[in-house]
Amino acid sequence: MSDLQLSSGQRVFYEYDSVQDMLCVLFRQDVGSTYNVDVSDMPGVMLRYATADDKVVGLTVTNVQGKLMQRLI
């Protein structure tokens, strides 16, 4: 998993799976078990929640290349 620091100083952690064309972004590194909930008006985008406290800890995006190409063309 890679990380980057936002201008606010917050670190985010991300991993791109090229086989599944999926991007996972976490707002903290040690999230434990999680579950995803679809964002209703954004197909292929899911909020990721920590099972322990039901707080949003990240997001998952599927069909990343398709979404980028659709926006760029």
PDB file of N, CA and C in Angstrom:
ATOM      1  N   MET A   1       0.856  -1.171   0.000  1.00  0.00           N
ATOM      2  CA  MET A   1       0.000   0.000   0.000  1.00  0.00           C
ATOM      3  C   MET A   1       0.900   1.231   0.000  1.00  0.00           C
ATOM      4  N   SER A   2       0.563   2.183  -0.839  1.00  0.00           N
ATOM      5  CA  SER A   2       1.308   3.436  -0.928  1.00  0.00           C
ATOM      6  C   SER A   2       0.589   4.503  -0.123  1.00  0.00           C
ATOM      7  N   ASP A   3       1.282   5.602   0.129  1.00  0.00           N
ATOM      8  CA  ASP A   3       0.646   6.692   0.854  1.00  0.00           C
ATOM      9  C   ASP A   3       1.084   8.020   0.264  1.00  0.00           C
ATOM     10  N   LEU A   4       0.291   9.035   0.568  1.00  0.00           N
ATOM     11  CA  LEU A   4       0.656  10.394   0.202  1.00  0.00           C
ATOM     12  C   LEU A   4       0.128  11.334   1.255  1.00  0.00           C
ATOM     13  N   GLN A   5       0.746  12.506   1.317  1.00  0.00           N
ATOM     14  CA  GLN A   5       0.338  13.499   2.304  1.00  0.00           C
ATOM     15  C   GLN A   5      -0.394  14.624   1.589  1.00  0.00           C
ATOM     16  N   LEU A   6      -1.590  14.914   2.064  1.00  0.00           N
ATOM     17  CA  LEU A   6      -2.398  15.994   1.500  1.00  0.00           C
ATOM     18  C   LEU A   6      -1.869  17.338   1.981  1.00  0.00           C
ATOM     19  N   SER A   7      -2.284  18.412   1.340  1.00  0.00           N
ATOM     20  CA  SER A   7      -1.826  19.750   1.730  1.00  0.00           C
ATOM     21  C   SER A   7      -2.239  20.087   3.166  1.00  0.00           C
ATOM     22  N   SER A   8      -3.285  19.443   3.661  1.00  0.00           N
ATOM     23  CA  SER A   8      -3.735  19.660   5.043  1.00  0.00           C
ATOM     24  C   SER A   8      -2.837  18.962   6.060  1.00  0.00           C
ATOM     25  N   GLY A   9      -1.931  18.110   5.547  1.00  0.00           N
ATOM     26  CA  GLY A   9      -1.060  17.352   6.432  1.00  0.00           C
ATOM     27  C   GLY A   9      -1.551  15.936   6.685  1.00  0.00           C
ATOM     28  N   GLN A  10      -2.804  15.664   6.348  1.00  0.00           N
ATOM     29  CA  GLN A  10      -3.356  14.328   6.545  1.00  0.00           C
ATOM     30  C   GLN A  10      -2.728  13.356   5.559  1.00  0.00           C
ATOM     31  N   ARG A  11      -2.456  12.157   6.008  1.00  0.00           N
ATOM     32  CA  ARG A  11      -1.942  11.113   5.140  1.00  0.00           C
ATOM     33  C   ARG A  11      -3.087  10.222   4.699  1.00  0.00           C
ATOM     34  N   VAL A  12      -3.074   9.818   3.442  1.00  0.00           N
ATOM     35  CA  VAL A  12      -4.026   8.841   2.936  1.00  0.00           C
ATOM     36  C   VAL A  12      -3.231   7.688   2.340  1.00  0.00           C
ATOM     37  N   PHE A  13      -3.826   6.527   2.381  1.00  0.00           N
ATOM     38  CA  PHE A  13      -3.179   5.306   1.912  1.00  0.00           C
ATOM     39  C   PHE A  13      -4.003   4.748   0.768  1.00  0.00           C
ATOM     40  N   TYR A  14      -3.331   4.295  -0.276  1.00  0.00           N
ATOM     41  CA  TYR A  14      -4.068   3.832  -1.447  1.00  0.00           C
ATOM     42  C   TYR A  14      -3.379   2.634  -2.084  1.00  0.00           C
ATOM     43  N   GLU A  15      -4.196   1.873  -2.802  1.00  0.00           N
ATOM     44  CA  GLU A  15      -3.691   0.715  -3.547  1.00  0.00           C
ATOM     45  C   GLU A  15      -4.548   0.555  -4.800  1.00  0.00           C
ATOM     46  N   TYR A  16      -3.877   0.410  -5.930  1.00  0.00           N
ATOM     47  CA  TYR A  16      -4.580   0.183  -7.188  1.00  0.00           C
ATOM     48  C   TYR A  16      -4.315  -1.241  -7.632  1.00  0.00           C
ATOM     49  N   ASP A  17      -5.376  -1.990  -7.907  1.00  0.00           N
ATOM     50  CA  ASP A  17      -5.288  -3.358  -8.408  1.00  0.00           C
ATOM     51  C   ASP A  17      -5.579  -3.320  -9.904  1.00  0.00           C
ATOM     52  N   SER A  18      -4.549  -3.474 -10.728  1.00  0.00           N
ATOM     53  CA  SER A  18      -4.722  -3.357 -12.180  1.00  0.00           C
ATOM     54  C   SER A  18      -5.495  -4.532 -12.768  1.00  0.00           C
ATOM     55  N   VAL A  19      -5.451  -5.686 -12.133  1.00  0.00           N
ATOM     56  CA  VAL A  19      -6.186  -6.848 -12.629  1.00  0.00           C
ATOM     57  C   VAL A  19      -7.687  -6.614 -12.480  1.00  0.00           C
ATOM     58  N   GLN A  20      -8.098  -6.108 -11.326  1.00  0.00           N
ATOM     59  CA  GLN A  20      -9.517  -5.841 -11.073  1.00  0.00           C
ATOM     60  C   GLN A  20      -9.914  -4.410 -11.442  1.00  0.00           C
ATOM     61  N   ASP A  21      -8.922  -3.580 -11.810  1.00  0.00           N
ATOM     62  CA  ASP A  21      -9.154  -2.170 -12.130  1.00  0.00           C
ATOM     63  C   ASP A  21      -9.916  -1.499 -10.990  1.00  0.00           C
ATOM     64  N   MET A  22      -9.339  -1.601  -9.781  1.00  0.00           N
ATOM     65  CA  MET A  22      -9.993  -1.116  -8.577  1.00  0.00           C
ATOM     66  C   MET A  22      -9.012  -0.283  -7.757  1.00  0.00           C
ATOM     67  N   LEU A  23      -9.474   0.859  -7.276  1.00  0.00           N
ATOM     68  CA  LEU A  23      -8.686   1.734  -6.422  1.00  0.00           C
ATOM     69  C   LEU A  23      -9.296   1.737  -5.030  1.00  0.00           C
ATOM     70  N   CYS A  24      -8.465   1.472  -4.039  1.00  0.00           N
ATOM     71  CA  CYS A  24      -8.905   1.520  -2.643  1.00  0.00           C
ATOM     72  C   CYS A  24      -8.127   2.633  -1.952  1.00  0.00           C
ATOM     73  N   VAL A  25      -8.836   3.518  -1.274  1.00  0.00           N
ATOM     74  CA  VAL A  25      -8.237   4.631  -0.551  1.00  0.00           C
ATOM     75  C   VAL A  25      -8.670   4.524   0.909  1.00  0.00           C
ATOM     76  N   LEU A  26      -7.700   4.617   1.810  1.00  0.00           N
ATOM     77  CA  LEU A  26      -7.990   4.583   3.244  1.00  0.00           C
ATOM     78  C   LEU A  26      -7.531   5.886   3.874  1.00  0.00           C
ATOM     79  N   PHE A  27      -8.300   6.397   4.812  1.00  0.00           N
ATOM     80  CA  PHE A  27      -7.962   7.633   5.497  1.00  0.00           C
ATOM     81  C   PHE A  27      -7.098   7.398   6.724  1.00  0.00           C
ATOM     82  N   ARG A  28      -6.989   6.167   7.131  1.00  0.00           N
ATOM     83  CA  ARG A  28      -6.048   5.774   8.186  1.00  0.00           C
ATOM     84  C   ARG A  28      -5.579   4.369   7.868  1.00  0.00           C
ATOM     85  N   GLN A  29      -4.412   4.017   8.346  1.00  0.00           N
ATOM     86  CA  GLN A  29      -3.796   2.765   7.923  1.00  0.00           C
ATOM     87  C   GLN A  29      -4.328   1.541   8.660  1.00  0.00           C
ATOM     88  N   ASP A  30      -4.626   1.663   9.902  1.00  0.00           N
ATOM     89  CA  ASP A  30      -5.024   0.508  10.722  1.00  0.00           C
ATOM     90  C   ASP A  30      -6.530   0.457  10.922  1.00  0.00           C
ATOM     91  N   VAL A  31      -7.264   0.064   9.895  1.00  0.00           N
ATOM     92  CA  VAL A  31      -8.724   0.105   9.966  1.00  0.00           C
ATOM     93  C   VAL A  31      -9.365  -1.180  10.478  1.00  0.00           C
ATOM     94  N   GLY A  32      -8.662  -2.289  10.438  1.00  0.00           N
ATOM     95  CA  GLY A  32      -9.266  -3.554  10.838  1.00  0.00           C
ATOM     96  C   GLY A  32     -10.276  -4.017   9.801  1.00  0.00           C
ATOM     97  N   SER A  33     -11.303  -4.718  10.237  1.00  0.00           N
ATOM     98  CA  SER A  33     -12.287  -5.226   9.282  1.00  0.00           C
ATOM     99  C   SER A  33     -13.214  -4.093   8.830  1.00  0.00           C
ATOM    100  N   THR A  34     -13.632  -4.189   7.568  1.00  0.00           N
ATOM    101  CA  THR A  34     -14.452  -3.140   6.974  1.00  0.00           C
ATOM    102  C   THR A  34     -15.582  -3.741   6.151  1.00  0.00           C
ATOM    103  N   TYR A  35     -16.521  -2.883   5.793  1.00  0.00           N
ATOM    104  CA  TYR A  35     -17.567  -3.258   4.839  1.00  0.00           C
ATOM    105  C   TYR A  35     -17.829  -2.059   3.931  1.00  0.00           C
ATOM    106  N   ASN A  36     -18.331  -2.332   2.730  1.00  0.00           N
ATOM    107  CA  ASN A  36     -18.581  -1.297   1.731  1.00  0.00           C
ATOM    108  C   ASN A  36     -20.072  -1.038   1.569  1.00  0.00           C
ATOM    109  N   VAL A  37     -20.412   0.218   1.297  1.00  0.00           N
ATOM    110  CA  VAL A  37     -21.785   0.611   0.999  1.00  0.00           C
ATOM    111  C   VAL A  37     -21.748   1.441  -0.280  1.00  0.00           C
ATOM    112  N   ASP A  38     -22.563   1.052  -1.268  1.00  0.00           N
ATOM    113  CA  ASP A  38     -22.616   1.773  -2.540  1.00  0.00           C
ATOM    114  C   ASP A  38     -23.058   3.216  -2.338  1.00  0.00           C
ATOM    115  N   VAL A  39     -22.453   4.119  -3.104  1.00  0.00           N
ATOM    116  CA  VAL A  39     -22.905   5.509  -3.162  1.00  0.00           C
ATOM    117  C   VAL A  39     -23.958   5.550  -4.261  1.00  0.00           C
ATOM    118  N   SER A  40     -25.174   5.876  -3.910  1.00  0.00           N
ATOM    119  CA  SER A  40     -26.320   5.676  -4.802  1.00  0.00           C
ATOM    120  C   SER A  40     -26.211   6.402  -6.142  1.00  0.00           C
ATOM    121  N   ASP A  41     -25.711   7.608  -6.168  1.00  0.00           N
ATOM    122  CA  ASP A  41     -25.665   8.356  -7.420  1.00  0.00           C
ATOM    123  C   ASP A  41     -24.301   8.298  -8.110  1.00  0.00           C
ATOM    124  N   MET A  42     -23.427   7.392  -7.659  1.00  0.00           N
ATOM    125  CA  MET A  42     -22.100   7.246  -8.249  1.00  0.00           C
ATOM    126  C   MET A  42     -21.800   5.756  -8.472  1.00  0.00           C
ATOM    127  N   PRO A  43     -22.219   5.200  -9.598  1.00  0.00           N
ATOM    128  CA  PRO A  43     -21.998   3.774  -9.853  1.00  0.00           C
ATOM    129  C   PRO A  43     -20.518   3.387  -9.756  1.00  0.00           C
ATOM    130  N   GLY A  44     -20.259   2.306  -9.053  1.00  0.00           N
ATOM    131  CA  GLY A  44     -18.893   1.811  -8.911  1.00  0.00           C
ATOM    132  C   GLY A  44     -18.087   2.499  -7.828  1.00  0.00           C
ATOM    133  N   VAL A  45     -18.725   3.355  -7.032  1.00  0.00           N
ATOM    134  CA  VAL A  45     -18.052   4.018  -5.917  1.00  0.00           C
ATOM    135  C   VAL A  45     -18.719   3.564  -4.631  1.00  0.00           C
ATOM    136  N   MET A  46     -17.899   3.111  -3.695  1.00  0.00           N
ATOM    137  CA  MET A  46     -18.414   2.606  -2.429  1.00  0.00           C
ATOM    138  C   MET A  46     -17.678   3.258  -1.274  1.00  0.00           C
ATOM    139  N   LEU A  47     -18.410   3.656  -0.255  1.00  0.00           N
ATOM    140  CA  LEU A  47     -17.788   4.133   0.971  1.00  0.00           C
ATOM    141  C   LEU A  47     -17.403   2.916   1.797  1.00  0.00           C
ATOM    142  N   ARG A  48     -16.262   3.004   2.432  1.00  0.00           N
ATOM    143  CA  ARG A  48     -15.758   1.887   3.229  1.00  0.00           C
ATOM    144  C   ARG A  48     -15.874   2.264   4.705  1.00  0.00           C
ATOM    145  N   TYR A  49     -16.552   1.427   5.483  1.00  0.00           N
ATOM    146  CA  TYR A  49     -16.809   1.686   6.896  1.00  0.00           C
ATOM    147  C   TYR A  49     -16.061   0.683   7.769  1.00  0.00           C
ATOM    148  N   ALA A  50     -15.598   1.135   8.924  1.00  0.00           N
ATOM    149  CA  ALA A  50     -14.990   0.245   9.916  1.00  0.00           C
ATOM    150  C   ALA A  50     -16.106  -0.531  10.598  1.00  0.00           C
ATOM    151  N   THR A  51     -15.955  -1.824  10.664  1.00  0.00           N
ATOM    152  CA  THR A  51     -16.964  -2.670  11.301  1.00  0.00           C
ATOM    153  C   THR A  51     -17.101  -2.339  12.787  1.00  0.00           C
ATOM    154  N   ALA A  52     -16.007  -1.999  13.435  1.00  0.00           N
ATOM    155  CA  ALA A  52     -16.022  -1.764  14.878  1.00  0.00           C
ATOM    156  C   ALA A  52     -16.886  -0.579  15.300  1.00  0.00           C
ATOM    157  N   ASP A  53     -16.857   0.524  14.517  1.00  0.00           N
ATOM    158  CA  ASP A  53     -17.574   1.723  14.957  1.00  0.00           C
ATOM    159  C   ASP A  53     -18.434   2.376  13.867  1.00  0.00           C
ATOM    160  N   ASP A  54     -18.552   1.737  12.709  1.00  0.00           N
ATOM    161  CA  ASP A  54     -19.365   2.239  11.590  1.00  0.00           C
ATOM    162  C   ASP A  54     -18.958   3.631  11.099  1.00  0.00           C
ATOM    163  N   LYS A  55     -17.685   3.998  11.269  1.00  0.00           N
ATOM    164  CA  LYS A  55     -17.189   5.279  10.755  1.00  0.00           C
ATOM    165  C   LYS A  55     -16.589   5.067   9.370  1.00  0.00           C
ATOM    166  N   VAL A  56     -16.722   6.081   8.512  1.00  0.00           N
ATOM    167  CA  VAL A  56     -16.121   6.015   7.180  1.00  0.00           C
ATOM    168  C   VAL A  56     -14.604   6.049   7.323  1.00  0.00           C
ATOM    169  N   VAL A  57     -13.942   5.049   6.741  1.00  0.00           N
ATOM    170  CA  VAL A  57     -12.485   4.980   6.818  1.00  0.00           C
ATOM    171  C   VAL A  57     -11.835   5.019   5.437  1.00  0.00           C
ATOM    172  N   GLY A  58     -12.656   5.069   4.376  1.00  0.00           N
ATOM    173  CA  GLY A  58     -12.078   5.117   3.046  1.00  0.00           C
ATOM    174  C   GLY A  58     -13.138   4.972   1.979  1.00  0.00           C
ATOM    175  N   LEU A  59     -12.660   4.684   0.777  1.00  0.00           N
ATOM    176  CA  LEU A  59     -13.563   4.457  -0.346  1.00  0.00           C
ATOM    177  C   LEU A  59     -12.929   3.485  -1.319  1.00  0.00           C
ATOM    178  N   THR A  60     -13.775   2.861  -2.115  1.00  0.00           N
ATOM    179  CA  THR A  60     -13.352   1.920  -3.146  1.00  0.00           C
ATOM    180  C   THR A  60     -14.004   2.346  -4.452  1.00  0.00           C
ATOM    181  N   VAL A  61     -13.213   2.361  -5.523  1.00  0.00           N
ATOM    182  CA  VAL A  61     -13.720   2.729  -6.838  1.00  0.00           C
ATOM    183  C   VAL A  61     -13.412   1.595  -7.804  1.00  0.00           C
ATOM    184  N   THR A  62     -14.437   1.102  -8.503  1.00  0.00           N
ATOM    185  CA  THR A  62     -14.237   0.057  -9.504  1.00  0.00           C
ATOM    186  C   THR A  62     -14.274   0.678 -10.897  1.00  0.00           C
ATOM    187  N   ASN A  63     -13.738  -0.047 -11.887  1.00  0.00           N
ATOM    188  CA  ASN A  63     -13.685   0.415 -13.273  1.00  0.00           C
ATOM    189  C   ASN A  63     -13.014   1.785 -13.376  1.00  0.00           C
ATOM    190  N   VAL A  64     -11.874   1.924 -12.713  1.00  0.00           N
ATOM    191  CA  VAL A  64     -11.161   3.200 -12.639  1.00  0.00           C
ATOM    192  C   VAL A  64     -10.749   3.689 -14.022  1.00  0.00           C
ATOM    193  N   GLN A  65     -10.159   2.824 -14.822  1.00  0.00           N
ATOM    194  CA  GLN A  65      -9.703   3.242 -16.148  1.00  0.00           C
ATOM    195  C   GLN A  65     -10.863   3.719 -17.008  1.00  0.00           C
ATOM    196  N   GLY A  66     -11.972   3.003 -16.968  1.00  0.00           N
ATOM    197  CA  GLY A  66     -13.150   3.397 -17.730  1.00  0.00           C
ATOM    198  C   GLY A  66     -13.674   4.755 -17.301  1.00  0.00           C
ATOM    199  N   LYS A  67     -13.715   4.989 -15.986  1.00  0.00           N
ATOM    200  CA  LYS A  67     -14.190   6.264 -15.466  1.00  0.00           C
ATOM    201  C   LYS A  67     -13.258   7.401 -15.885  1.00  0.00           C
ATOM    202  N   LEU A  68     -11.942   7.178 -15.831  1.00  0.00           N
ATOM    203  CA  LEU A  68     -10.990   8.209 -16.241  1.00  0.00           C
ATOM    204  C   LEU A  68     -11.107   8.497 -17.728  1.00  0.00           C
ATOM    205  N   MET A  69     -11.189   7.472 -18.545  1.00  0.00           N
ATOM    206  CA  MET A  69     -11.295   7.665 -19.993  1.00  0.00           C
ATOM    207  C   MET A  69     -12.581   8.410 -20.345  1.00  0.00           C
ATOM    208  N   GLN A  70     -13.653   8.096 -19.641  1.00  0.00           N
ATOM    209  CA  GLN A  70     -14.944   8.751 -19.901  1.00  0.00           C
ATOM    210  C   GLN A  70     -14.838  10.250 -19.593  1.00  0.00           C
ATOM    211  N   ARG A  71     -14.096  10.604 -18.566  1.00  0.00           N
ATOM    212  CA  ARG A  71     -13.950  12.013 -18.176  1.00  0.00           C
ATOM    213  C   ARG A  71     -12.977  12.750 -19.087  1.00  0.00           C
ATOM    214  N   LEU A  72     -11.959  12.049 -19.609  1.00  0.00           N
ATOM    215  CA  LEU A  72     -10.938  12.697 -20.415  1.00  0.00           C
ATOM    216  C   LEU A  72     -11.337  12.881 -21.862  1.00  0.00           C
ATOM    217  N   ILE A  73     -12.239  12.038 -22.350  1.00  0.00           N
ATOM    218  CA  ILE A  73     -12.601  12.104 -23.776  1.00  0.00           C
ATOM    219  C   ILE A  73     -13.878  12.902 -23.953  1.00  0.00           C
TER     220      ILE A  73
END
